[in-house]
Amino acid sequence: SIANGMWWRFTEQYLAGIIGAASARTLLTTAMINNGLALGQVANILDQASQWQRFNQNLLMTMIDHMTQGVSVVDKNMCLVAWNNQYLKLFGYPKDLVYVGCPIA
């Protein structure tokens, strides 16, 4: 059905952002077709991937927050992903001006 196709694409894109495109496709193909895993089990895999992504983001934020230099991390679209307080001070940015996804331009 259309809904299942949309769910499949969303899930694959979400996982691809965390574990890479090839791994996401392999995981979903194995889960849904070869092993016949239920949607609940795939949802559990997504939840675990989401928790892992949050852990990685928190680890990154903790690491750069303890640096004495102003540091920022951008994604492939040149949008902010993470930064530390020293980065804000370096450019004199107010805290509410900078947010995740903010274009660095």
PDB file of N, CA and C in Angstrom:
ATOM      1  N   SER A   1       0.827  -1.187   0.000  1.00  0.00           N
ATOM      2  CA  SER A   1       0.000   0.000   0.000  1.00  0.00           C
ATOM      3  C   SER A   1       0.873   1.254   0.000  1.00  0.00           C
ATOM      4  N   ILE A   2       0.253   2.401  -0.269  1.00  0.00           N
ATOM      5  CA  ILE A   2       0.971   3.674  -0.298  1.00  0.00           C
ATOM      6  C   ILE A   2       1.526   4.008   1.082  1.00  0.00           C
ATOM      7  N   ALA A   3       0.718   3.784   2.121  1.00  0.00           N
ATOM      8  CA  ALA A   3       1.152   4.081   3.490  1.00  0.00           C
ATOM      9  C   ALA A   3       2.371   3.253   3.868  1.00  0.00           C
ATOM     10  N   ASN A   4       2.371   1.963   3.500  1.00  0.00           N
ATOM     11  CA  ASN A   4       3.517   1.118   3.795  1.00  0.00           C
ATOM     12  C   ASN A   4       4.756   1.582   3.045  1.00  0.00           C
ATOM     13  N   GLY A   5       4.582   2.018   1.815  1.00  0.00           N
ATOM     14  CA  GLY A   5       5.715   2.532   1.039  1.00  0.00           C
ATOM     15  C   GLY A   5       6.287   3.802   1.639  1.00  0.00           C
ATOM     16  N   MET A   6       5.398   4.676   2.114  1.00  0.00           N
ATOM     17  CA  MET A   6       5.853   5.914   2.748  1.00  0.00           C
ATOM     18  C   MET A   6       6.574   5.597   4.055  1.00  0.00           C
ATOM     19  N   TRP A   7       6.029   4.651   4.835  1.00  0.00           N
ATOM     20  CA  TRP A   7       6.658   4.255   6.089  1.00  0.00           C
ATOM     21  C   TRP A   7       8.043   3.684   5.822  1.00  0.00           C
ATOM     22  N   TRP A   8       8.128   2.822   4.796  1.00  0.00           N
ATOM     23  CA  TRP A   8       9.407   2.191   4.450  1.00  0.00           C
ATOM     24  C   TRP A   8      10.437   3.255   4.088  1.00  0.00           C
ATOM     25  N   ARG A   9      10.069   4.224   3.243  1.00  0.00           N
ATOM     26  CA  ARG A   9      11.012   5.275   2.826  1.00  0.00           C
ATOM     27  C   ARG A   9      11.432   6.143   4.005  1.00  0.00           C
ATOM     28  N   PHE A  10      10.461   6.522   4.850  1.00  0.00           N
ATOM     29  CA  PHE A  10      10.787   7.332   6.022  1.00  0.00           C
ATOM     30  C   PHE A  10      11.764   6.592   6.935  1.00  0.00           C
ATOM     31  N   THR A  11      11.448   5.327   7.211  1.00  0.00           N
ATOM     32  CA  THR A  11      12.276   4.523   8.106  1.00  0.00           C
ATOM     33  C   THR A  11      13.670   4.354   7.528  1.00  0.00           C
ATOM     34  N   GLU A  12      13.764   4.073   6.240  1.00  0.00           N
ATOM     35  CA  GLU A  12      15.066   3.883   5.608  1.00  0.00           C
ATOM     36  C   GLU A  12      15.878   5.179   5.639  1.00  0.00           C
ATOM     37  N   GLN A  13      15.251   6.315   5.369  1.00  0.00           N
ATOM     38  CA  GLN A  13      15.964   7.594   5.395  1.00  0.00           C
ATOM     39  C   GLN A  13      16.408   7.941   6.812  1.00  0.00           C
ATOM     40  N   TYR A  14      15.554   7.673   7.780  1.00  0.00           N
ATOM     41  CA  TYR A  14      15.897   7.951   9.174  1.00  0.00           C
ATOM     42  C   TYR A  14      17.105   7.127   9.597  1.00  0.00           C
ATOM     43  N   LEU A  15      17.047   5.823   9.326  1.00  0.00           N
ATOM     44  CA  LEU A  15      18.164   4.952   9.685  1.00  0.00           C
ATOM     45  C   LEU A  15      19.422   5.311   8.905  1.00  0.00           C
ATOM     46  N   ALA A  16      19.268   5.699   7.654  1.00  0.00           N
ATOM     47  CA  ALA A  16      20.423   6.057   6.835  1.00  0.00           C
ATOM     48  C   ALA A  16      21.183   7.218   7.448  1.00  0.00           C
ATOM     49  N   GLY A  17      20.464   8.140   8.053  1.00  0.00           N
ATOM     50  CA  GLY A  17      21.121   9.266   8.701  1.00  0.00           C
ATOM     51  C   GLY A  17      21.927   8.854   9.915  1.00  0.00           C
ATOM     52  N   ILE A  18      21.624   7.701  10.475  1.00  0.00           N
ATOM     53  CA  ILE A  18      22.307   7.237  11.680  1.00  0.00           C
ATOM     54  C   ILE A  18      23.367   6.184  11.361  1.00  0.00           C
ATOM     55  N   ILE A  19      23.001   5.205  10.532  1.00  0.00           N
ATOM     56  CA  ILE A  19      23.918   4.077  10.302  1.00  0.00           C
ATOM     57  C   ILE A  19      24.406   3.979   8.861  1.00  0.00           C
ATOM     58  N   GLY A  20      23.975   4.884   7.998  1.00  0.00           N
ATOM     59  CA  GLY A  20      24.385   4.840   6.603  1.00  0.00           C
ATOM     60  C   GLY A  20      23.330   4.175   5.734  1.00  0.00           C
ATOM     61  N   ALA A  21      23.296   4.574   4.475  1.00  0.00           N
ATOM     62  CA  ALA A  21      22.245   4.118   3.562  1.00  0.00           C
ATOM     63  C   ALA A  21      22.278   2.613   3.320  1.00  0.00           C
ATOM     64  N   ALA A  22      23.456   2.072   3.055  1.00  0.00           N
ATOM     65  CA  ALA A  22      23.546   0.639   2.756  1.00  0.00           C
ATOM     66  C   ALA A  22      23.134  -0.197   3.965  1.00  0.00           C
ATOM     67  N   SER A  23      23.586   0.207   5.143  1.00  0.00           N
ATOM     68  CA  SER A  23      23.235  -0.535   6.353  1.00  0.00           C
ATOM     69  C   SER A  23      21.743  -0.443   6.638  1.00  0.00           C
ATOM     70  N   ALA A  24      21.158   0.715   6.410  1.00  0.00           N
ATOM     71  CA  ALA A  24      19.722   0.885   6.645  1.00  0.00           C
ATOM     72  C   ALA A  24      18.918  -0.026   5.730  1.00  0.00           C
ATOM     73  N   ARG A  25      19.275  -0.061   4.462  1.00  0.00           N
ATOM     74  CA  ARG A  25      18.545  -0.905   3.507  1.00  0.00           C
ATOM     75  C   ARG A  25      18.690  -2.382   3.870  1.00  0.00           C
ATOM     76  N   THR A  26      19.893  -2.772   4.235  1.00  0.00           N
ATOM     77  CA  THR A  26      20.127  -4.166   4.618  1.00  0.00           C
ATOM     78  C   THR A  26      19.322  -4.532   5.860  1.00  0.00           C
ATOM     79  N   LEU A  27      19.348  -3.640   6.859  1.00  0.00           N
ATOM     80  CA  LEU A  27      18.611  -3.895   8.091  1.00  0.00           C
ATOM     81  C   LEU A  27      17.123  -4.047   7.819  1.00  0.00           C
ATOM     82  N   LEU A  28      16.555  -3.130   7.064  1.00  0.00           N
ATOM     83  CA  LEU A  28      15.125  -3.194   6.799  1.00  0.00           C
ATOM     84  C   LEU A  28      14.758  -4.395   5.946  1.00  0.00           C
ATOM     85  N   THR A  29      15.557  -4.683   4.945  1.00  0.00           N
ATOM     86  CA  THR A  29      15.271  -5.838   4.090  1.00  0.00           C
ATOM     87  C   THR A  29      15.309  -7.115   4.907  1.00  0.00           C
ATOM     88  N   THR A  30      16.341  -7.250   5.730  1.00  0.00           N
ATOM     89  CA  THR A  30      16.461  -8.438   6.578  1.00  0.00           C
ATOM     90  C   THR A  30      15.312  -8.513   7.563  1.00  0.00           C
ATOM     91  N   ALA A  31      15.008  -7.385   8.194  1.00  0.00           N
ATOM     92  CA  ALA A  31      13.962  -7.366   9.218  1.00  0.00           C
ATOM     93  C   ALA A  31      12.587  -7.660   8.650  1.00  0.00           C
ATOM     94  N   MET A  32      12.250  -7.052   7.550  1.00  0.00           N
ATOM     95  CA  MET A  32      10.885  -7.140   7.033  1.00  0.00           C
ATOM     96  C   MET A  32      10.652  -8.346   6.128  1.00  0.00           C
ATOM     97  N   ILE A  33      11.650  -8.743   5.381  1.00  0.00           N
ATOM     98  CA  ILE A  33      11.409  -9.787   4.384  1.00  0.00           C
ATOM     99  C   ILE A  33      12.002 -11.124   4.816  1.00  0.00           C
ATOM    100  N   ASN A  34      13.315 -11.151   5.023  1.00  0.00           N
ATOM    101  CA  ASN A  34      13.979 -12.424   5.277  1.00  0.00           C
ATOM    102  C   ASN A  34      13.585 -13.052   6.609  1.00  0.00           C
ATOM    103  N   ASN A  35      13.525 -12.245   7.663  1.00  0.00           N
ATOM    104  CA  ASN A  35      13.226 -12.790   8.982  1.00  0.00           C
ATOM    105  C   ASN A  35      11.773 -12.601   9.382  1.00  0.00           C
ATOM    106  N   GLY A  36      11.019 -11.855   8.616  1.00  0.00           N
ATOM    107  CA  GLY A  36       9.619 -11.660   8.917  1.00  0.00           C
ATOM    108  C   GLY A  36       9.364 -10.987  10.254  1.00  0.00           C
ATOM    109  N   LEU A  37      10.214 -10.065  10.643  1.00  0.00           N
ATOM    110  CA  LEU A  37      10.006  -9.379  11.915  1.00  0.00           C
ATOM    111  C   LEU A  37       8.744  -8.539  11.857  1.00  0.00           C
ATOM    112  N   ALA A  38       8.064  -8.458  12.963  1.00  0.00           N
ATOM    113  CA  ALA A  38       6.849  -7.663  13.055  1.00  0.00           C
ATOM    114  C   ALA A  38       7.197  -6.185  13.077  1.00  0.00           C
ATOM    115  N   LEU A  39       6.222  -5.345  12.724  1.00  0.00           N
ATOM    116  CA  LEU A  39       6.443  -3.906  12.735  1.00  0.00           C
ATOM    117  C   LEU A  39       6.857  -3.426  14.120  1.00  0.00           C
ATOM    118  N   GLY A  40       6.343  -4.030  15.173  1.00  0.00           N
ATOM    119  CA  GLY A  40       6.725  -3.663  16.533  1.00  0.00           C
ATOM    120  C   GLY A  40       8.197  -3.876  16.779  1.00  0.00           C
ATOM    121  N   GLN A  41       8.748  -4.942  16.214  1.00  0.00           N
ATOM    122  CA  GLN A  41      10.172  -5.213  16.377  1.00  0.00           C
ATOM    123  C   GLN A  41      11.012  -4.193  15.609  1.00  0.00           C
ATOM    124  N   VAL A  42      10.545  -3.810  14.433  1.00  0.00           N
ATOM    125  CA  VAL A  42      11.254  -2.786  13.657  1.00  0.00           C
ATOM    126  C   VAL A  42      11.160  -1.451  14.390  1.00  0.00           C
ATOM    127  N   ALA A  43      10.007  -1.163  14.987  1.00  0.00           N
ATOM    128  CA  ALA A  43       9.860   0.065  15.774  1.00  0.00           C
ATOM    129  C   ALA A  43      10.848   0.069  16.928  1.00  0.00           C
ATOM    130  N   ASN A  44      11.086  -1.082  17.537  1.00  0.00           N
ATOM    131  CA  ASN A  44      12.069  -1.187  18.615  1.00  0.00           C
ATOM    132  C   ASN A  44      13.474  -0.890  18.097  1.00  0.00           C
ATOM    133  N   ILE A  45      13.788  -1.378  16.905  1.00  0.00           N
ATOM    134  CA  ILE A  45      15.089  -1.089  16.285  1.00  0.00           C
ATOM    135  C   ILE A  45      15.232   0.410  16.062  1.00  0.00           C
ATOM    136  N   LEU A  46      14.162   1.054  15.581  1.00  0.00           N
ATOM    137  CA  LEU A  46      14.186   2.505  15.367  1.00  0.00           C
ATOM    138  C   LEU A  46      14.384   3.248  16.687  1.00  0.00           C
ATOM    139  N   ASP A  47      13.710   2.784  17.734  1.00  0.00           N
ATOM    140  CA  ASP A  47      13.846   3.427  19.039  1.00  0.00           C
ATOM    141  C   ASP A  47      15.276   3.317  19.543  1.00  0.00           C
ATOM    142  N   GLN A  48      15.882   2.153  19.375  1.00  0.00           N
ATOM    143  CA  GLN A  48      17.266   1.971  19.803  1.00  0.00           C
ATOM    144  C   GLN A  48      18.201   2.859  18.987  1.00  0.00           C
ATOM    145  N   ALA A  49      17.958   2.974  17.684  1.00  0.00           N
ATOM    146  CA  ALA A  49      18.779   3.847  16.839  1.00  0.00           C
ATOM    147  C   ALA A  49      18.627   5.294  17.265  1.00  0.00           C
ATOM    148  N   SER A  50      17.409   5.687  17.604  1.00  0.00           N
ATOM    149  CA  SER A  50      17.158   7.049  18.062  1.00  0.00           C
ATOM    150  C   SER A  50      17.888   7.316  19.373  1.00  0.00           C
ATOM    151  N   GLN A  51      17.859   6.351  20.295  1.00  0.00           N
ATOM    152  CA  GLN A  51      18.570   6.503  21.563  1.00  0.00           C
ATOM    153  C   GLN A  51      20.066   6.620  21.328  1.00  0.00           C
ATOM    154  N   TRP A  52      20.600   5.838  20.405  1.00  0.00           N
ATOM    155  CA  TRP A  52      22.023   5.888  20.079  1.00  0.00           C
ATOM    156  C   TRP A  52      22.383   7.252  19.495  1.00  0.00           C
ATOM    157  N   GLN A  53      21.525   7.791  18.621  1.00  0.00           N
ATOM    158  CA  GLN A  53      21.774   9.103  18.039  1.00  0.00           C
ATOM    159  C   GLN A  53      21.782  10.175  19.129  1.00  0.00           C
ATOM    160  N   ARG A  54      20.823  10.126  20.061  1.00  0.00           N
ATOM    161  CA  ARG A  54      20.790  11.100  21.156  1.00  0.00           C
ATOM    162  C   ARG A  54      22.031  10.977  22.027  1.00  0.00           C
ATOM    163  N   PHE A  55      22.483   9.737  22.273  1.00  0.00           N
ATOM    164  CA  PHE A  55      23.696   9.523  23.062  1.00  0.00           C
ATOM    165  C   PHE A  55      24.890  10.165  22.361  1.00  0.00           C
ATOM    166  N   ASN A  56      25.009   9.949  21.052  1.00  0.00           N
ATOM    167  CA  ASN A  56      26.120  10.528  20.295  1.00  0.00           C
ATOM    168  C   ASN A  56      26.073  12.052  20.322  1.00  0.00           C
ATOM    169  N   GLN A  57      24.880  12.634  20.187  1.00  0.00           N
ATOM    170  CA  GLN A  57      24.751  14.089  20.229  1.00  0.00           C
ATOM    171  C   GLN A  57      25.134  14.623  21.604  1.00  0.00           C
ATOM    172  N   ASN A  58      24.683  13.941  22.665  1.00  0.00           N
ATOM    173  CA  ASN A  58      25.026  14.375  24.018  1.00  0.00           C
ATOM    174  C   ASN A  58      26.527  14.254  24.274  1.00  0.00           C
ATOM    175  N   LEU A  59      27.131  13.186  23.791  1.00  0.00           N
ATOM    176  CA  LEU A  59      28.565  12.995  23.943  1.00  0.00           C
ATOM    177  C   LEU A  59      29.329  14.099  23.216  1.00  0.00           C
ATOM    178  N   LEU A  60      28.910  14.402  22.005  1.00  0.00           N
ATOM    179  CA  LEU A  60      29.543  15.471  21.234  1.00  0.00           C
ATOM    180  C   LEU A  60      29.427  16.801  21.964  1.00  0.00           C
ATOM    181  N   MET A  61      28.231  17.113  22.461  1.00  0.00           N
ATOM    182  CA  MET A  61      28.021  18.378  23.165  1.00  0.00           C
ATOM    183  C   MET A  61      28.880  18.451  24.428  1.00  0.00           C
ATOM    184  N   THR A  62      28.967  17.365  25.163  1.00  0.00           N
ATOM    185  CA  THR A  62      29.777  17.340  26.377  1.00  0.00           C
ATOM    186  C   THR A  62      31.243  17.548  26.040  1.00  0.00           C
ATOM    187  N   MET A  63      31.720  16.898  24.997  1.00  0.00           N
ATOM    188  CA  MET A  63      33.126  17.023  24.609  1.00  0.00           C
ATOM    189  C   MET A  63      33.470  18.451  24.222  1.00  0.00           C
ATOM    190  N   ILE A  64      32.668  19.070  23.356  1.00  0.00           N
ATOM    191  CA  ILE A  64      33.041  20.406  22.893  1.00  0.00           C
ATOM    192  C   ILE A  64      32.773  21.469  23.949  1.00  0.00           C
ATOM    193  N   ASP A  65      31.861  21.203  24.868  1.00  0.00           N
ATOM    194  CA  ASP A  65      31.575  22.183  25.909  1.00  0.00           C
ATOM    195  C   ASP A  65      32.743  22.327  26.876  1.00  0.00           C
ATOM    196  N   HIS A  66      33.579  21.313  26.979  1.00  0.00           N
ATOM    197  CA  HIS A  66      34.726  21.359  27.880  1.00  0.00           C
ATOM    198  C   HIS A  66      35.988  21.895  27.194  1.00  0.00           C
ATOM    199  N   MET A  67      35.904  22.250  25.945  1.00  0.00           N
ATOM    200  CA  MET A  67      37.053  22.814  25.234  1.00  0.00           C
ATOM    201  C   MET A  67      37.161  24.303  25.525  1.00  0.00           C
ATOM    202  N   THR A  68      38.387  24.790  25.570  1.00  0.00           N
ATOM    203  CA  THR A  68      38.591  26.216  25.848  1.00  0.00           C
ATOM    204  C   THR A  68      38.430  27.059  24.588  1.00  0.00           C
ATOM    205  N   GLN A  69      38.561  26.465  23.414  1.00  0.00           N
ATOM    206  CA  GLN A  69      38.387  27.182  22.155  1.00  0.00           C
ATOM    207  C   GLN A  69      36.908  27.229  21.780  1.00  0.00           C
ATOM    208  N   GLY A  70      36.542  28.237  20.995  1.00  0.00           N
ATOM    209  CA  GLY A  70      35.202  28.293  20.438  1.00  0.00           C
ATOM    210  C   GLY A  70      35.078  27.265  19.332  1.00  0.00           C
ATOM    211  N   VAL A  71      34.114  26.368  19.453  1.00  0.00           N
ATOM    212  CA  VAL A  71      33.971  25.258  18.511  1.00  0.00           C
ATOM    213  C   VAL A  71      32.521  25.147  18.059  1.00  0.00           C
ATOM    214  N   SER A  72      32.344  24.885  16.770  1.00  0.00           N
ATOM    215  CA  SER A  72      31.020  24.556  16.250  1.00  0.00           C
ATOM    216  C   SER A  72      31.162  23.376  15.298  1.00  0.00           C
ATOM    217  N   VAL A  73      30.068  22.648  15.138  1.00  0.00           N
ATOM    218  CA  VAL A  73      30.010  21.519  14.214  1.00  0.00           C
ATOM    219  C   VAL A  73      28.874  21.806  13.251  1.00  0.00           C
ATOM    220  N   VAL A  74      29.146  21.634  11.945  1.00  0.00           N
ATOM    221  CA  VAL A  74      28.121  21.863  10.938  1.00  0.00           C
ATOM    222  C   VAL A  74      27.877  20.580  10.156  1.00  0.00           C
ATOM    223  N   ASP A  75      26.694  20.490   9.542  1.00  0.00           N
ATOM    224  CA  ASP A  75      26.382  19.332   8.715  1.00  0.00           C
ATOM    225  C   ASP A  75      26.786  19.612   7.270  1.00  0.00           C
ATOM    226  N   LYS A  76      26.447  18.713   6.381  1.00  0.00           N
ATOM    227  CA  LYS A  76      26.854  18.849   4.982  1.00  0.00           C
ATOM    228  C   LYS A  76      26.214  20.057   4.299  1.00  0.00           C
ATOM    229  N   ASN A  77      25.132  20.585   4.889  1.00  0.00           N
ATOM    230  CA  ASN A  77      24.460  21.762   4.332  1.00  0.00           C
ATOM    231  C   ASN A  77      24.934  23.057   4.975  1.00  0.00           C
ATOM    232  N   MET A  78      26.013  22.956   5.759  1.00  0.00           N
ATOM    233  CA  MET A  78      26.587  24.102   6.458  1.00  0.00           C
ATOM    234  C   MET A  78      25.601  24.719   7.445  1.00  0.00           C
ATOM    235  N   CYS A  79      24.887  23.852   8.138  1.00  0.00           N
ATOM    236  CA  CYS A  79      23.980  24.275   9.208  1.00  0.00           C
ATOM    237  C   CYS A  79      24.525  23.755  10.531  1.00  0.00           C
ATOM    238  N   LEU A  80      24.366  24.548  11.571  1.00  0.00           N
ATOM    239  CA  LEU A  80      24.894  24.183  12.889  1.00  0.00           C
ATOM    240  C   LEU A  80      24.250  22.919  13.430  1.00  0.00           C
ATOM    241  N   VAL A  81      25.097  22.078  13.986  1.00  0.00           N
ATOM    242  CA  VAL A  81      24.649  20.864  14.645  1.00  0.00           C
ATOM    243  C   VAL A  81      24.937  20.968  16.141  1.00  0.00           C
ATOM    244  N   ALA A  82      26.111  21.525  16.466  1.00  0.00           N
ATOM    245  CA  ALA A  82      26.520  21.651  17.864  1.00  0.00           C
ATOM    246  C   ALA A  82      27.500  22.813  17.983  1.00  0.00           C
ATOM    247  N   TRP A  83      27.620  23.347  19.213  1.00  0.00           N
ATOM    248  CA  TRP A  83      28.540  24.456  19.484  1.00  0.00           C
ATOM    249  C   TRP A  83      28.735  24.528  20.992  1.00  0.00           C
ATOM    250  N   ASN A  84      29.749  25.294  21.395  1.00  0.00           N
ATOM    251  CA  ASN A  84      29.953  25.478  22.828  1.00  0.00           C
ATOM    252  C   ASN A  84      29.782  26.957  23.191  1.00  0.00           C
ATOM    253  N   ASN A  85      29.778  27.241  24.491  1.00  0.00           N
ATOM    254  CA  ASN A  85      29.591  28.619  24.953  1.00  0.00           C
ATOM    255  C   ASN A  85      30.702  29.541  24.464  1.00  0.00           C
ATOM    256  N   GLN A  86      31.919  29.006  24.362  1.00  0.00           N
ATOM    257  CA  GLN A  86      33.035  29.809  23.881  1.00  0.00           C
ATOM    258  C   GLN A  86      32.799  30.260  22.437  1.00  0.00           C
ATOM    259  N   TYR A  87      32.131  29.448  21.650  1.00  0.00           N
ATOM    260  CA  TYR A  87      31.783  29.816  20.271  1.00  0.00           C
ATOM    261  C   TYR A  87      30.846  31.015  20.283  1.00  0.00           C
ATOM    262  N   LEU A  88      29.839  30.968  21.155  1.00  0.00           N
ATOM    263  CA  LEU A  88      28.896  32.085  21.259  1.00  0.00           C
ATOM    264  C   LEU A  88      29.617  33.366  21.678  1.00  0.00           C
ATOM    265  N   LYS A  89      30.538  33.242  22.655  1.00  0.00           N
ATOM    266  CA  LYS A  89      31.287  34.404  23.131  1.00  0.00           C
ATOM    267  C   LYS A  89      32.223  34.950  22.060  1.00  0.00           C
ATOM    268  N   LEU A  90      32.846  34.057  21.300  1.00  0.00           N
ATOM    269  CA  LEU A  90      33.798  34.453  20.265  1.00  0.00           C
ATOM    270  C   LEU A  90      33.163  35.414  19.265  1.00  0.00           C
ATOM    271  N   PHE A  91      31.942  35.136  18.869  1.00  0.00           N
ATOM    272  CA  PHE A  91      31.254  35.969  17.881  1.00  0.00           C
ATOM    273  C   PHE A  91      30.233  36.921  18.510  1.00  0.00           C
ATOM    274  N   GLY A  92      30.082  36.848  19.830  1.00  0.00           N
ATOM    275  CA  GLY A  92      29.133  37.724  20.508  1.00  0.00           C
ATOM    276  C   GLY A  92      27.680  37.408  20.187  1.00  0.00           C
ATOM    277  N   TYR A  93      27.396  36.126  19.875  1.00  0.00           N
ATOM    278  CA  TYR A  93      26.021  35.729  19.544  1.00  0.00           C
ATOM    279  C   TYR A  93      25.180  35.591  20.810  1.00  0.00           C
ATOM    280  N   PRO A  94      23.978  36.121  20.819  1.00  0.00           N
ATOM    281  CA  PRO A  94      23.067  35.802  21.937  1.00  0.00           C
ATOM    282  C   PRO A  94      22.633  34.339  21.816  1.00  0.00           C
ATOM    283  N   LYS A  95      22.367  33.685  22.942  1.00  0.00           N
ATOM    284  CA  LYS A  95      22.032  32.252  22.939  1.00  0.00           C
ATOM    285  C   LYS A  95      20.812  31.929  22.090  1.00  0.00           C
ATOM    286  N   ASP A  96      19.825  32.839  22.041  1.00  0.00           N
ATOM    287  CA  ASP A  96      18.597  32.535  21.300  1.00  0.00           C
ATOM    288  C   ASP A  96      18.752  32.715  19.789  1.00  0.00           C
ATOM    289  N   LEU A  97      19.876  33.234  19.326  1.00  0.00           N
ATOM    290  CA  LEU A  97      20.115  33.397  17.893  1.00  0.00           C
ATOM    291  C   LEU A  97      20.582  32.090  17.243  1.00  0.00           C
ATOM    292  N   VAL A  98      21.263  31.266  18.010  1.00  0.00           N
ATOM    293  CA  VAL A  98      21.866  30.033  17.499  1.00  0.00           C
ATOM    294  C   VAL A  98      20.985  28.845  17.889  1.00  0.00           C
ATOM    295  N   TYR A  99      20.714  27.982  16.917  1.00  0.00           N
ATOM    296  CA  TYR A  99      19.886  26.801  17.164  1.00  0.00           C
ATOM    297  C   TYR A  99      20.338  25.682  16.224  1.00  0.00           C
ATOM    298  N   VAL A 100      20.006  24.446  16.557  1.00  0.00           N
ATOM    299  CA  VAL A 100      20.342  23.312  15.712  1.00  0.00           C
ATOM    300  C   VAL A 100      19.641  23.495  14.380  1.00  0.00           C
ATOM    301  N   GLY A 101      20.403  23.411  13.290  1.00  0.00           N
ATOM    302  CA  GLY A 101      19.859  23.607  11.951  1.00  0.00           C
ATOM    303  C   GLY A 101      20.009  25.017  11.440  1.00  0.00           C
ATOM    304  N   CYS A 102      20.553  25.903  12.260  1.00  0.00           N
ATOM    305  CA  CYS A 102      20.746  27.305  11.864  1.00  0.00           C
ATOM    306  C   CYS A 102      21.842  27.391  10.793  1.00  0.00           C
ATOM    307  N   PRO A 103      21.565  27.984   9.644  1.00  0.00           N
ATOM    308  CA  PRO A 103      22.610  28.150   8.628  1.00  0.00           C
ATOM    309  C   PRO A 103      23.736  29.025   9.176  1.00  0.00           C
ATOM    310  N   ILE A 104      24.974  28.636   8.949  1.00  0.00           N
ATOM    311  CA  ILE A 104      26.092  29.411   9.485  1.00  0.00           C
ATOM    312  C   ILE A 104      26.270  30.738   8.739  1.00  0.00           C
ATOM    313  N   ALA A 105      25.695  30.843   7.564  1.00  0.00           N
ATOM    314  CA  ALA A 105      25.784  32.107   6.820  1.00  0.00           C
ATOM    315  C   ALA A 105      25.043  33.185   7.571  1.00  0.00           C
TER     316      ALA A 105
END
